[in-house]
Amino acid sequence: MNNIKLDFDFFSKYEKEVKNLPEEKKKIWIQERKKIPLTREEKNVMKIFLDKFLNKLEAREKEVIIQRFGIYDGRKKTHKEIAQILNLSGERIRQIEKIALEKMRFFKNNS
């Protein structure tokens, strides 16, 4: 679960570039693209997409994702830290995170 990242490689202008690439080249393209700082416009688009997906989650799922990935404060928290904040077990936080990420992937693929 530690290797899960929120991928924002779905900006439409990049989808056209990447869509027909073989899977291995697609991975290389994404890694190279991650090295380039985002423009203000890209950050705004990313925030709009992220807010759209986060707002479809249940309140607890949304809070776990925000805390886990440090979305608003830049500080990523562990399952244990989030568990203490929400008064739940670390295992329950892991389960909520998994469900929320699956929902976000579904939203991404069906939007």
PDB file of N, CA and C in Angstrom:
ATOM      1  N   MET A   1       0.812  -1.192   0.000  1.00  0.00           N
ATOM      2  CA  MET A   1       0.000   0.000   0.000  1.00  0.00           C
ATOM      3  C   MET A   1       0.858   1.260   0.000  1.00  0.00           C
ATOM      4  N   ASN A   2       2.091   1.166   0.482  1.00  0.00           N
ATOM      5  CA  ASN A   2       2.956   2.339   0.547  1.00  0.00           C
ATOM      6  C   ASN A   2       3.319   2.885  -0.816  1.00  0.00           C
ATOM      7  N   ASN A   3       3.259   2.078  -1.867  1.00  0.00           N
ATOM      8  CA  ASN A   3       3.636   2.526  -3.193  1.00  0.00           C
ATOM      9  C   ASN A   3       2.494   3.184  -3.947  1.00  0.00           C
ATOM     10  N   ILE A   4       1.318   3.229  -3.363  1.00  0.00           N
ATOM     11  CA  ILE A   4       0.186   3.848  -4.032  1.00  0.00           C
ATOM     12  C   ILE A   4       0.397   5.351  -4.059  1.00  0.00           C
ATOM     13  N   LYS A   5       0.211   5.909  -5.221  1.00  0.00           N
ATOM     14  CA  LYS A   5       0.340   7.350  -5.377  1.00  0.00           C
ATOM     15  C   LYS A   5      -0.920   7.851  -6.064  1.00  0.00           C
ATOM     16  N   LEU A   6      -1.240   9.082  -5.817  1.00  0.00           N
ATOM     17  CA  LEU A   6      -2.333   9.696  -6.555  1.00  0.00           C
ATOM     18  C   LEU A   6      -1.759  10.141  -7.893  1.00  0.00           C
ATOM     19  N   ASP A   7      -2.153   9.498  -8.969  1.00  0.00           N
ATOM     20  CA  ASP A   7      -1.632   9.855 -10.275  1.00  0.00           C
ATOM     21  C   ASP A   7      -2.527  10.889 -10.928  1.00  0.00           C
ATOM     22  N   PHE A   8      -1.913  11.956 -11.378  1.00  0.00           N
ATOM     23  CA  PHE A   8      -2.647  13.017 -12.040  1.00  0.00           C
ATOM     24  C   PHE A   8      -2.227  13.120 -13.499  1.00  0.00           C
ATOM     25  N   ASP A   9      -1.882  11.970 -14.088  1.00  0.00           N
ATOM     26  CA  ASP A   9      -1.463  11.942 -15.470  1.00  0.00           C
ATOM     27  C   ASP A   9      -2.665  11.915 -16.404  1.00  0.00           C
ATOM     28  N   PHE A  10      -3.833  12.353 -15.909  1.00  0.00           N
ATOM     29  CA  PHE A  10      -5.023  12.312 -16.720  1.00  0.00           C
ATOM     30  C   PHE A  10      -5.403  13.680 -17.270  1.00  0.00           C
ATOM     31  N   PHE A  11      -4.489  14.657 -17.190  1.00  0.00           N
ATOM     32  CA  PHE A  11      -4.771  15.939 -17.838  1.00  0.00           C
ATOM     33  C   PHE A  11      -4.970  15.652 -19.318  1.00  0.00           C
ATOM     34  N   SER A  12      -6.033  16.173 -19.878  1.00  0.00           N
ATOM     35  CA  SER A  12      -6.386  15.808 -21.253  1.00  0.00           C
ATOM     36  C   SER A  12      -5.280  16.113 -22.251  1.00  0.00           C
ATOM     37  N   LYS A  13      -4.552  17.215 -22.076  1.00  0.00           N
ATOM     38  CA  LYS A  13      -3.524  17.525 -23.071  1.00  0.00           C
ATOM     39  C   LYS A  13      -2.392  16.493 -23.051  1.00  0.00           C
ATOM     40  N   TYR A  14      -2.181  15.840 -21.923  1.00  0.00           N
ATOM     41  CA  TYR A  14      -1.156  14.812 -21.841  1.00  0.00           C
ATOM     42  C   TYR A  14      -1.684  13.454 -22.250  1.00  0.00           C
ATOM     43  N   GLU A  15      -2.959  13.242 -22.049  1.00  0.00           N
ATOM     44  CA  GLU A  15      -3.545  11.957 -22.441  1.00  0.00           C
ATOM     45  C   GLU A  15      -3.326  11.700 -23.924  1.00  0.00           C
ATOM     46  N   LYS A  16      -3.458  12.745 -24.727  1.00  0.00           N
ATOM     47  CA  LYS A  16      -3.267  12.589 -26.172  1.00  0.00           C
ATOM     48  C   LYS A  16      -1.849  12.151 -26.489  1.00  0.00           C
ATOM     49  N   GLU A  17      -0.867  12.694 -25.763  1.00  0.00           N
ATOM     50  CA  GLU A  17       0.528  12.331 -25.985  1.00  0.00           C
ATOM     51  C   GLU A  17       0.809  10.879 -25.577  1.00  0.00           C
ATOM     52  N   VAL A  18       0.177  10.442 -24.518  1.00  0.00           N
ATOM     53  CA  VAL A  18       0.514   9.169 -23.893  1.00  0.00           C
ATOM     54  C   VAL A  18      -0.373   8.014 -24.350  1.00  0.00           C
ATOM     55  N   LYS A  19      -1.562   8.321 -24.784  1.00  0.00           N
ATOM     56  CA  LYS A  19      -2.594   7.315 -25.031  1.00  0.00           C
ATOM     57  C   LYS A  19      -2.119   6.112 -25.846  1.00  0.00           C
ATOM     58  N   ASN A  20      -1.411   6.330 -26.932  1.00  0.00           N
ATOM     59  CA  ASN A  20      -1.049   5.238 -27.833  1.00  0.00           C
ATOM     60  C   ASN A  20       0.354   4.677 -27.602  1.00  0.00           C
ATOM     61  N   LEU A  21       1.018   5.131 -26.560  1.00  0.00           N
ATOM     62  CA  LEU A  21       2.346   4.610 -26.262  1.00  0.00           C
ATOM     63  C   LEU A  21       2.251   3.206 -25.674  1.00  0.00           C
ATOM     64  N   PRO A  22       3.250   2.357 -25.962  1.00  0.00           N
ATOM     65  CA  PRO A  22       3.290   1.054 -25.282  1.00  0.00           C
ATOM     66  C   PRO A  22       3.423   1.267 -23.773  1.00  0.00           C
ATOM     67  N   GLU A  23       2.968   0.329 -22.993  1.00  0.00           N
ATOM     68  CA  GLU A  23       2.920   0.478 -21.534  1.00  0.00           C
ATOM     69  C   GLU A  23       4.266   0.873 -20.931  1.00  0.00           C
ATOM     70  N   GLU A  24       5.352   0.264 -21.386  1.00  0.00           N
ATOM     71  CA  GLU A  24       6.677   0.578 -20.828  1.00  0.00           C
ATOM     72  C   GLU A  24       7.079   2.016 -21.133  1.00  0.00           C
ATOM     73  N   LYS A  25       6.811   2.478 -22.338  1.00  0.00           N
ATOM     74  CA  LYS A  25       7.134   3.871 -22.701  1.00  0.00           C
ATOM     75  C   LYS A  25       6.241   4.846 -21.946  1.00  0.00           C
ATOM     76  N   LYS A  26       5.007   4.414 -21.681  1.00  0.00           N
ATOM     77  CA  LYS A  26       4.080   5.238 -20.919  1.00  0.00           C
ATOM     78  C   LYS A  26       4.640   5.488 -19.518  1.00  0.00           C
ATOM     79  N   LYS A  27       5.169   4.434 -18.887  1.00  0.00           N
ATOM     80  CA  LYS A  27       5.749   4.560 -17.547  1.00  0.00           C
ATOM     81  C   LYS A  27       6.938   5.508 -17.559  1.00  0.00           C
ATOM     82  N   ILE A  28       7.778   5.389 -18.576  1.00  0.00           N
ATOM     83  CA  ILE A  28       8.949   6.275 -18.696  1.00  0.00           C
ATOM     84  C   ILE A  28       8.498   7.714 -18.883  1.00  0.00           C
ATOM     85  N   TRP A  29       7.496   7.930 -19.742  1.00  0.00           N
ATOM     86  CA  TRP A  29       6.982   9.277 -19.989  1.00  0.00           C
ATOM     87  C   TRP A  29       6.463   9.897 -18.692  1.00  0.00           C
ATOM     88  N   ILE A  30       5.708   9.121 -17.931  1.00  0.00           N
ATOM     89  CA  ILE A  30       5.146   9.627 -16.675  1.00  0.00           C
ATOM     90  C   ILE A  30       6.262   9.973 -15.701  1.00  0.00           C
ATOM     91  N   GLN A  31       7.285   9.113 -15.585  1.00  0.00           N
ATOM     92  CA  GLN A  31       8.406   9.397 -14.680  1.00  0.00           C
ATOM     93  C   GLN A  31       9.127  10.668 -15.095  1.00  0.00           C
ATOM     94  N   GLU A  32       9.351  10.847 -16.389  1.00  0.00           N
ATOM     95  CA  GLU A  32      10.024  12.055 -16.873  1.00  0.00           C
ATOM     96  C   GLU A  32       9.161  13.290 -16.622  1.00  0.00           C
ATOM     97  N   ARG A  33       7.862  13.151 -16.836  1.00  0.00           N
ATOM     98  CA  ARG A  33       6.941  14.288 -16.654  1.00  0.00           C
ATOM     99  C   ARG A  33       6.909  14.722 -15.196  1.00  0.00           C
ATOM    100  N   LYS A  34       7.062  13.775 -14.278  1.00  0.00           N
ATOM    101  CA  LYS A  34       7.034  14.102 -12.852  1.00  0.00           C
ATOM    102  C   LYS A  34       8.224  14.954 -12.437  1.00  0.00           C
ATOM    103  N   LYS A  35       9.296  14.957 -13.230  1.00  0.00           N
ATOM    104  CA  LYS A  35      10.482  15.750 -12.914  1.00  0.00           C
ATOM    105  C   LYS A  35      10.296  17.225 -13.275  1.00  0.00           C
ATOM    106  N   ILE A  36       9.312  17.519 -14.116  1.00  0.00           N
ATOM    107  CA  ILE A  36       9.072  18.892 -14.571  1.00  0.00           C
ATOM    108  C   ILE A  36       8.098  19.561 -13.604  1.00  0.00           C
ATOM    109  N   PRO A  37       8.466  20.728 -13.061  1.00  0.00           N
ATOM    110  CA  PRO A  37       7.537  21.411 -12.146  1.00  0.00           C
ATOM    111  C   PRO A  37       6.220  21.753 -12.853  1.00  0.00           C
ATOM    112  N   LEU A  38       5.148  21.670 -12.105  1.00  0.00           N
ATOM    113  CA  LEU A  38       3.840  22.002 -12.662  1.00  0.00           C
ATOM    114  C   LEU A  38       3.700  23.508 -12.844  1.00  0.00           C
ATOM    115  N   THR A  39       3.021  23.896 -13.913  1.00  0.00           N
ATOM    116  CA  THR A  39       2.710  25.310 -14.122  1.00  0.00           C
ATOM    117  C   THR A  39       1.537  25.676 -13.214  1.00  0.00           C
ATOM    118  N   ARG A  40       1.284  26.949 -13.059  1.00  0.00           N
ATOM    119  CA  ARG A  40       0.143  27.406 -12.257  1.00  0.00           C
ATOM    120  C   ARG A  40      -1.163  26.844 -12.828  1.00  0.00           C
ATOM    121  N   GLU A  41      -1.273  26.848 -14.149  1.00  0.00           N
ATOM    122  CA  GLU A  41      -2.479  26.329 -14.796  1.00  0.00           C
ATOM    123  C   GLU A  41      -2.657  24.837 -14.489  1.00  0.00           C
ATOM    124  N   GLU A  42      -1.578  24.072 -14.559  1.00  0.00           N
ATOM    125  CA  GLU A  42      -1.656  22.640 -14.267  1.00  0.00           C
ATOM    126  C   GLU A  42      -2.038  22.395 -12.819  1.00  0.00           C
ATOM    127  N   LYS A  43      -1.495  23.203 -11.898  1.00  0.00           N
ATOM    128  CA  LYS A  43      -1.851  23.067 -10.485  1.00  0.00           C
ATOM    129  C   LYS A  43      -3.336  23.349 -10.282  1.00  0.00           C
ATOM    130  N   ASN A  44      -3.849  24.372 -10.959  1.00  0.00           N
ATOM    131  CA  ASN A  44      -5.273  24.692 -10.840  1.00  0.00           C
ATOM    132  C   ASN A  44      -6.150  23.567 -11.384  1.00  0.00           C
ATOM    133  N   VAL A  45      -5.750  22.998 -12.532  1.00  0.00           N
ATOM    134  CA  VAL A  45      -6.506  21.887 -13.110  1.00  0.00           C
ATOM    135  C   VAL A  45      -6.465  20.695 -12.167  1.00  0.00           C
ATOM    136  N   MET A  46      -5.284  20.406 -11.618  1.00  0.00           N
ATOM    137  CA  MET A  46      -5.140  19.285 -10.702  1.00  0.00           C
ATOM    138  C   MET A  46      -6.020  19.471  -9.468  1.00  0.00           C
ATOM    139  N   LYS A  47      -6.055  20.685  -8.928  1.00  0.00           N
ATOM    140  CA  LYS A  47      -6.886  20.960  -7.752  1.00  0.00           C
ATOM    141  C   LYS A  47      -8.369  20.766  -8.079  1.00  0.00           C
ATOM    142  N   ILE A  48      -8.795  21.211  -9.231  1.00  0.00           N
ATOM    143  CA  ILE A  48     -10.195  21.043  -9.641  1.00  0.00           C
ATOM    144  C   ILE A  48     -10.550  19.560  -9.724  1.00  0.00           C
ATOM    145  N   PHE A  49      -9.676  18.767 -10.392  1.00  0.00           N
ATOM    146  CA  PHE A  49      -9.923  17.328 -10.495  1.00  0.00           C
ATOM    147  C   PHE A  49      -9.917  16.678  -9.123  1.00  0.00           C
ATOM    148  N   LEU A  50      -8.927  17.013  -8.308  1.00  0.00           N
ATOM    149  CA  LEU A  50      -8.809  16.403  -6.991  1.00  0.00           C
ATOM    150  C   LEU A  50     -10.025  16.734  -6.132  1.00  0.00           C
ATOM    151  N   ASP A  51     -10.432  17.994  -6.115  1.00  0.00           N
ATOM    152  CA  ASP A  51     -11.612  18.384  -5.339  1.00  0.00           C
ATOM    153  C   ASP A  51     -12.858  17.658  -5.830  1.00  0.00           C
ATOM    154  N   LYS A  52     -12.959  17.513  -7.141  1.00  0.00           N
ATOM    155  CA  LYS A  52     -14.103  16.802  -7.727  1.00  0.00           C
ATOM    156  C   LYS A  52     -14.173  15.366  -7.189  1.00  0.00           C
ATOM    157  N   PHE A  53     -13.035  14.691  -7.155  1.00  0.00           N
ATOM    158  CA  PHE A  53     -13.010  13.313  -6.680  1.00  0.00           C
ATOM    159  C   PHE A  53     -13.170  13.234  -5.169  1.00  0.00           C
ATOM    160  N   LEU A  54     -12.495  14.101  -4.441  1.00  0.00           N
ATOM    161  CA  LEU A  54     -12.597  14.084  -2.976  1.00  0.00           C
ATOM    162  C   LEU A  54     -14.018  14.340  -2.520  1.00  0.00           C
ATOM    163  N   ASN A  55     -14.729  15.217  -3.206  1.00  0.00           N
ATOM    164  CA  ASN A  55     -16.091  15.554  -2.802  1.00  0.00           C
ATOM    165  C   ASN A  55     -17.092  14.425  -3.062  1.00  0.00           C
ATOM    166  N   LYS A  56     -16.675  13.413  -3.814  1.00  0.00           N
ATOM    167  CA  LYS A  56     -17.534  12.250  -4.035  1.00  0.00           C
ATOM    168  C   LYS A  56     -17.356  11.194  -2.949  1.00  0.00           C
ATOM    169  N   LEU A  57     -16.324  11.351  -2.131  1.00  0.00           N
ATOM    170  CA  LEU A  57     -16.044  10.383  -1.069  1.00  0.00           C
ATOM    171  C   LEU A  57     -16.873  10.677   0.172  1.00  0.00           C
ATOM    172  N   GLU A  58     -17.043   9.658   1.000  1.00  0.00           N
ATOM    173  CA  GLU A  58     -17.650   9.851   2.316  1.00  0.00           C
ATOM    174  C   GLU A  58     -16.704  10.731   3.135  1.00  0.00           C
ATOM    175  N   ALA A  59     -17.218  11.419   4.130  1.00  0.00           N
ATOM    176  CA  ALA A  59     -16.419  12.358   4.928  1.00  0.00           C
ATOM    177  C   ALA A  59     -15.169  11.704   5.518  1.00  0.00           C
ATOM    178  N   ARG A  60     -15.318  10.521   6.066  1.00  0.00           N
ATOM    179  CA  ARG A  60     -14.183   9.840   6.700  1.00  0.00           C
ATOM    180  C   ARG A  60     -13.139   9.440   5.655  1.00  0.00           C
ATOM    181  N   GLU A  61     -13.602   8.955   4.499  1.00  0.00           N
ATOM    182  CA  GLU A  61     -12.683   8.588   3.417  1.00  0.00           C
ATOM    183  C   GLU A  61     -11.900   9.811   2.944  1.00  0.00           C
ATOM    184  N   LYS A  62     -12.611  10.891   2.779  1.00  0.00           N
ATOM    185  CA  LYS A  62     -11.987  12.143   2.335  1.00  0.00           C
ATOM    186  C   LYS A  62     -10.916  12.590   3.326  1.00  0.00           C
ATOM    187  N   GLU A  63     -11.234  12.545   4.593  1.00  0.00           N
ATOM    188  CA  GLU A  63     -10.289  12.964   5.629  1.00  0.00           C
ATOM    189  C   GLU A  63      -9.043  12.067   5.632  1.00  0.00           C
ATOM    190  N   VAL A  64      -9.233  10.773   5.477  1.00  0.00           N
ATOM    191  CA  VAL A  64      -8.093   9.851   5.448  1.00  0.00           C
ATOM    192  C   VAL A  64      -7.186  10.173   4.259  1.00  0.00           C
ATOM    193  N   ILE A  65      -7.750  10.374   3.090  1.00  0.00           N
ATOM    194  CA  ILE A  65      -6.948  10.676   1.897  1.00  0.00           C
ATOM    195  C   ILE A  65      -6.221  12.010   2.064  1.00  0.00           C
ATOM    196  N   ILE A  66      -6.909  13.012   2.555  1.00  0.00           N
ATOM    197  CA  ILE A  66      -6.280  14.327   2.766  1.00  0.00           C
ATOM    198  C   ILE A  66      -5.110  14.211   3.735  1.00  0.00           C
ATOM    199  N   GLN A  67      -5.311  13.513   4.841  1.00  0.00           N
ATOM    200  CA  GLN A  67      -4.256  13.351   5.847  1.00  0.00           C
ATOM    201  C   GLN A  67      -3.118  12.468   5.334  1.00  0.00           C
ATOM    202  N   ARG A  68      -3.475  11.360   4.699  1.00  0.00           N
ATOM    203  CA  ARG A  68      -2.483  10.374   4.267  1.00  0.00           C
ATOM    204  C   ARG A  68      -1.506  10.952   3.250  1.00  0.00           C
ATOM    205  N   PHE A  69      -2.018  11.753   2.323  1.00  0.00           N
ATOM    206  CA  PHE A  69      -1.189  12.291   1.258  1.00  0.00           C
ATOM    207  C   PHE A  69      -0.796  13.751   1.473  1.00  0.00           C
ATOM    208  N   GLY A  70      -1.168  14.317   2.627  1.00  0.00           N
ATOM    209  CA  GLY A  70      -0.777  15.695   2.930  1.00  0.00           C
ATOM    210  C   GLY A  70      -1.279  16.684   1.893  1.00  0.00           C
ATOM    211  N   ILE A  71      -2.491  16.486   1.437  1.00  0.00           N
ATOM    212  CA  ILE A  71      -3.014  17.248   0.305  1.00  0.00           C
ATOM    213  C   ILE A  71      -3.050  18.750   0.567  1.00  0.00           C
ATOM    214  N   TYR A  72      -3.446  19.174   1.722  1.00  0.00           N
ATOM    215  CA  TYR A  72      -3.556  20.614   1.955  1.00  0.00           C
ATOM    216  C   TYR A  72      -2.394  21.194   2.747  1.00  0.00           C
ATOM    217  N   ASP A  73      -1.761  20.386   3.578  1.00  0.00           N
ATOM    218  CA  ASP A  73      -0.668  20.940   4.392  1.00  0.00           C
ATOM    219  C   ASP A  73       0.710  20.423   3.996  1.00  0.00           C
ATOM    220  N   GLY A  74       0.759  19.498   3.016  1.00  0.00           N
ATOM    221  CA  GLY A  74       2.037  18.980   2.547  1.00  0.00           C
ATOM    222  C   GLY A  74       2.680  17.957   3.473  1.00  0.00           C
ATOM    223  N   ARG A  75       2.040  17.638   4.593  1.00  0.00           N
ATOM    224  CA  ARG A  75       2.592  16.676   5.548  1.00  0.00           C
ATOM    225  C   ARG A  75       1.834  15.360   5.470  1.00  0.00           C
ATOM    226  N   LYS A  76       2.486  14.354   4.901  1.00  0.00           N
ATOM    227  CA  LYS A  76       1.875  13.028   4.801  1.00  0.00           C
ATOM    228  C   LYS A  76       1.916  12.360   6.169  1.00  0.00           C
ATOM    229  N   LYS A  77       0.797  11.757   6.541  1.00  0.00           N
ATOM    230  CA  LYS A  77       0.716  11.098   7.845  1.00  0.00           C
ATOM    231  C   LYS A  77       0.656   9.581   7.669  1.00  0.00           C
ATOM    232  N   THR A  78       1.125   8.883   8.677  1.00  0.00           N
ATOM    233  CA  THR A  78       1.066   7.422   8.673  1.00  0.00           C
ATOM    234  C   THR A  78      -0.340   6.971   9.063  1.00  0.00           C
ATOM    235  N   HIS A  79      -0.591   5.680   8.839  1.00  0.00           N
ATOM    236  CA  HIS A  79      -1.882   5.120   9.270  1.00  0.00           C
ATOM    237  C   HIS A  79      -2.054   5.317  10.774  1.00  0.00           C
ATOM    238  N   LYS A  80      -0.977   5.107  11.516  1.00  0.00           N
ATOM    239  CA  LYS A  80      -1.038   5.232  12.973  1.00  0.00           C
ATOM    240  C   LYS A  80      -1.387   6.664  13.394  1.00  0.00           C
ATOM    241  N   GLU A  81      -0.772   7.661  12.753  1.00  0.00           N
ATOM    242  CA  GLU A  81      -1.061   9.061  13.095  1.00  0.00           C
ATOM    243  C   GLU A  81      -2.518   9.409  12.802  1.00  0.00           C
ATOM    244  N   ILE A  82      -3.006   8.962  11.662  1.00  0.00           N
ATOM    245  CA  ILE A  82      -4.400   9.241  11.297  1.00  0.00           C
ATOM    246  C   ILE A  82      -5.342   8.507  12.251  1.00  0.00           C
ATOM    247  N   ALA A  83      -4.969   7.292  12.610  1.00  0.00           N
ATOM    248  CA  ALA A  83      -5.786   6.508  13.541  1.00  0.00           C
ATOM    249  C   ALA A  83      -5.951   7.242  14.866  1.00  0.00           C
ATOM    250  N   GLN A  84      -4.886   7.847  15.355  1.00  0.00           N
ATOM    251  CA  GLN A  84      -4.964   8.605  16.614  1.00  0.00           C
ATOM    252  C   GLN A  84      -5.878   9.816  16.467  1.00  0.00           C
ATOM    253  N   ILE A  85      -5.791  10.494  15.325  1.00  0.00           N
ATOM    254  CA  ILE A  85      -6.624  11.681  15.087  1.00  0.00           C
ATOM    255  C   ILE A  85      -8.103  11.299  15.027  1.00  0.00           C
ATOM    256  N   LEU A  86      -8.405  10.211  14.320  1.00  0.00           N
ATOM    257  CA  LEU A  86      -9.805   9.809  14.099  1.00  0.00           C
ATOM    258  C   LEU A  86     -10.312   8.797  15.117  1.00  0.00           C
ATOM    259  N   ASN A  87      -9.453   8.428  16.071  1.00  0.00           N
ATOM    260  CA  ASN A  87      -9.830   7.472  17.105  1.00  0.00           C
ATOM    261  C   ASN A  87     -10.279   6.134  16.509  1.00  0.00           C
ATOM    262  N   LEU A  88      -9.468   5.642  15.562  1.00  0.00           N
ATOM    263  CA  LEU A  88      -9.710   4.350  14.925  1.00  0.00           C
ATOM    264  C   LEU A  88      -8.414   3.555  14.969  1.00  0.00           C
ATOM    265  N   SER A  89      -8.475   2.303  14.563  1.00  0.00           N
ATOM    266  CA  SER A  89      -7.246   1.500  14.503  1.00  0.00           C
ATOM    267  C   SER A  89      -6.499   1.814  13.209  1.00  0.00           C
ATOM    268  N   GLY A  90      -5.202   1.554  13.213  1.00  0.00           N
ATOM    269  CA  GLY A  90      -4.403   1.726  12.013  1.00  0.00           C
ATOM    270  C   GLY A  90      -4.895   0.844  10.878  1.00  0.00           C
ATOM    271  N   GLU A  91      -5.333  -0.364  11.224  1.00  0.00           N
ATOM    272  CA  GLU A  91      -5.868  -1.285  10.219  1.00  0.00           C
ATOM    273  C   GLU A  91      -7.135  -0.720   9.583  1.00  0.00           C
ATOM    274  N   ARG A  92      -7.983  -0.106  10.385  1.00  0.00           N
ATOM    275  CA  ARG A  92      -9.213   0.478   9.840  1.00  0.00           C
ATOM    276  C   ARG A  92      -8.882   1.640   8.910  1.00  0.00           C
ATOM    277  N   ILE A  93      -7.871   2.421   9.255  1.00  0.00           N
ATOM    278  CA  ILE A  93      -7.441   3.523   8.390  1.00  0.00           C
ATOM    279  C   ILE A  93      -6.946   2.964   7.059  1.00  0.00           C
ATOM    280  N   ARG A  94      -6.167   1.882   7.108  1.00  0.00           N
ATOM    281  CA  ARG A  94      -5.673   1.248   5.884  1.00  0.00           C
ATOM    282  C   ARG A  94      -6.841   0.797   5.002  1.00  0.00           C
ATOM    283  N   GLN A  95      -7.860   0.206   5.620  1.00  0.00           N
ATOM    284  CA  GLN A  95      -9.033  -0.253   4.874  1.00  0.00           C
ATOM    285  C   GLN A  95      -9.779   0.921   4.234  1.00  0.00           C
ATOM    286  N   ILE A  96      -9.955   1.985   5.009  1.00  0.00           N
ATOM    287  CA  ILE A  96     -10.652   3.168   4.492  1.00  0.00           C
ATOM    288  C   ILE A  96      -9.861   3.775   3.331  1.00  0.00           C
ATOM    289  N   GLU A  97      -8.545   3.848   3.496  1.00  0.00           N
ATOM    290  CA  GLU A  97      -7.693   4.387   2.427  1.00  0.00           C
ATOM    291  C   GLU A  97      -7.842   3.559   1.143  1.00  0.00           C
ATOM    292  N   LYS A  98      -7.800   2.249   1.287  1.00  0.00           N
ATOM    293  CA  LYS A  98      -7.918   1.363   0.132  1.00  0.00           C
ATOM    294  C   LYS A  98      -9.248   1.580  -0.583  1.00  0.00           C
ATOM    295  N   ILE A  99     -10.325   1.638   0.166  1.00  0.00           N
ATOM    296  CA  ILE A  99     -11.656   1.849  -0.414  1.00  0.00           C
ATOM    297  C   ILE A  99     -11.721   3.200  -1.119  1.00  0.00           C
ATOM    298  N   ALA A 100     -11.208   4.239  -0.466  1.00  0.00           N
ATOM    299  CA  ALA A 100     -11.257   5.582  -1.035  1.00  0.00           C
ATOM    300  C   ALA A 100     -10.458   5.661  -2.336  1.00  0.00           C
ATOM    301  N   LEU A 101      -9.270   5.062  -2.360  1.00  0.00           N
ATOM    302  CA  LEU A 101      -8.455   5.083  -3.578  1.00  0.00           C
ATOM    303  C   LEU A 101      -9.125   4.302  -4.709  1.00  0.00           C
ATOM    304  N   GLU A 102      -9.767   3.204  -4.364  1.00  0.00           N
ATOM    305  CA  GLU A 102     -10.504   2.445  -5.379  1.00  0.00           C
ATOM    306  C   GLU A 102     -11.652   3.279  -5.947  1.00  0.00           C
ATOM    307  N   LYS A 103     -12.346   3.992  -5.086  1.00  0.00           N
ATOM    308  CA  LYS A 103     -13.434   4.862  -5.552  1.00  0.00           C
ATOM    309  C   LYS A 103     -12.885   5.966  -6.455  1.00  0.00           C
ATOM    310  N   MET A 104     -11.756   6.559  -6.057  1.00  0.00           N
ATOM    311  CA  MET A 104     -11.184   7.636  -6.855  1.00  0.00           C
ATOM    312  C   MET A 104     -10.744   7.128  -8.230  1.00  0.00           C
ATOM    313  N   ARG A 105     -10.190   5.925  -8.267  1.00  0.00           N
ATOM    314  CA  ARG A 105      -9.818   5.338  -9.570  1.00  0.00           C
ATOM    315  C   ARG A 105     -11.055   5.100 -10.418  1.00  0.00           C
ATOM    316  N   PHE A 106     -12.117   4.626  -9.788  1.00  0.00           N
ATOM    317  CA  PHE A 106     -13.378   4.407 -10.507  1.00  0.00           C
ATOM    318  C   PHE A 106     -13.900   5.728 -11.049  1.00  0.00           C
ATOM    319  N   PHE A 107     -13.904   6.773 -10.229  1.00  0.00           N
ATOM    320  CA  PHE A 107     -14.373   8.084 -10.665  1.00  0.00           C
ATOM    321  C   PHE A 107     -13.538   8.580 -11.845  1.00  0.00           C
ATOM    322  N   LYS A 108     -12.217   8.396 -11.742  1.00  0.00           N
ATOM    323  CA  LYS A 108     -11.309   8.836 -12.795  1.00  0.00           C
ATOM    324  C   LYS A 108     -11.621   8.108 -14.107  1.00  0.00           C
ATOM    325  N   ASN A 109     -11.793   6.804 -14.013  1.00  0.00           N
ATOM    326  CA  ASN A 109     -12.025   6.015 -15.221  1.00  0.00           C
ATOM    327  C   ASN A 109     -13.419   6.181 -15.797  1.00  0.00           C
ATOM    328  N   ASN A 110     -14.349   6.703 -15.033  1.00  0.00           N
ATOM    329  CA  ASN A 110     -15.728   6.844 -15.481  1.00  0.00           C
ATOM    330  C   ASN A 110     -16.204   8.282 -15.544  1.00  0.00           C
ATOM    331  N   SER A 111     -15.258   9.218 -15.561  1.00  0.00           N
ATOM    332  CA  SER A 111     -15.693  10.623 -15.640  1.00  0.00           C
ATOM    333  C   SER A 111     -15.510  11.165 -17.029  1.00  0.00           C
TER     334      SER A 111
END
